[in-house]
Amino acid sequence: MKFLSRLNRPWLHFIVLGSLLYYLQGEFFPEPRPVLGPLSEARIESLQQQWFASVGRAPTAEQLERMVQAELDRDMLFQRAVERELYLYDTVVYQRLLMNMRFLQMGEGKTDDELYQTALDMRLHLGDEVIKRRMIQVMEQLLLVNNPPQAPTEEDIVAEFEQRREELRRPPRYSLEHIYFNRERESEADAVIEKIQQENLTPEQARQLSSPFLPGYQFAAQTPDQLARHFGASFVENLQQENPKAGQWVGPVRSTYGLHYVWVDALEPARDATVDEVRLQLQRDLELLAKEAALRESVEAMRQHYEIRQ
């Protein structure tokens, strides 16, 4: 009874009733969420133009929707960074604002700190794309600190290797030397080749009969893609059609530039890669995927705190 009598206090009733009302207000009348979007027509048109410049065609409705969502996510990350005043602690933002103030010719007679504060007062940090990108980057790093991606295990690496085995095959590699005949000398090719064969000239000796070739005359352990950079894709295709073998002359083989008489020093056929050969590549790829997944998860959670209008 003594305990119950102690509960019969007006001030205690006031505290309990006030707490209850505060709780009910939060449940039934929550604070409005910050609003993001919709994007202006100018920004949407800019996204479409960027896509067209990159791909060469207009985006589909689904692709445009994804681009708009990504742009709204960028706005959300930037707004969250501004809300947390992260720009106040970043040297990149500091230097960028100083540069902008000097460009505006507003730095005469002022210290760097005074310039910086003036730029903040003018809210220049809110309209600069470089600062926006920097703040988004910082915000993404903070999200990953709070939701770190899982490091790939050995089992993950092996499973990825098995799934991408065909993609990871090691291409053939050619070690070769060549004699080059430019367009003006193509008619001489047969006679020069006959001379090389009759006199059994070495590649080094035969090189004296070559036209100048800027990329060089000796190529060691080159993949087809590497050879294509020097000779053009047609050379690689024509060389492979000749079914070259180590220790033999091949050709003449036509390239983008003319004709080539090719000595094959060595030929390493295509083969499957081993896990150890591609382990670092697979680990980097898996780490990137895990990072993207963790960041995507964090951004999705952040969206719940904003009203996003598309």
Foldseek 3Di string as FASTA:
>chain_A
DVVVVVCPDVVNVVVVVVVVVVVVCCVPPNDAFAEFDDDDPVVLVVVQVVCCVVPVDGDDPVVSVVVRVVVSLLVLLLVVLVVVPVLVPDVVSLVVQLVVCVVVVNCPPHDSVVSSVVSVVVVVCVPDPVSSVVSSVVSLVVLCVVQPFDQDDPVNLVVVCVVCFVVQWAAKWFWKFKAAAFPVRQVCVVVLVVVCVVVVDDSVRSNVVHDDQVVDGTDGRHGLVRVCVRFNNQQSVQVVVQVDAAQDWDDQGQTPGGTITMHTNHMGHIGTDDSVVCVVVSSVVVSVVRSVVSSVVSSVVSCVSYHYDD
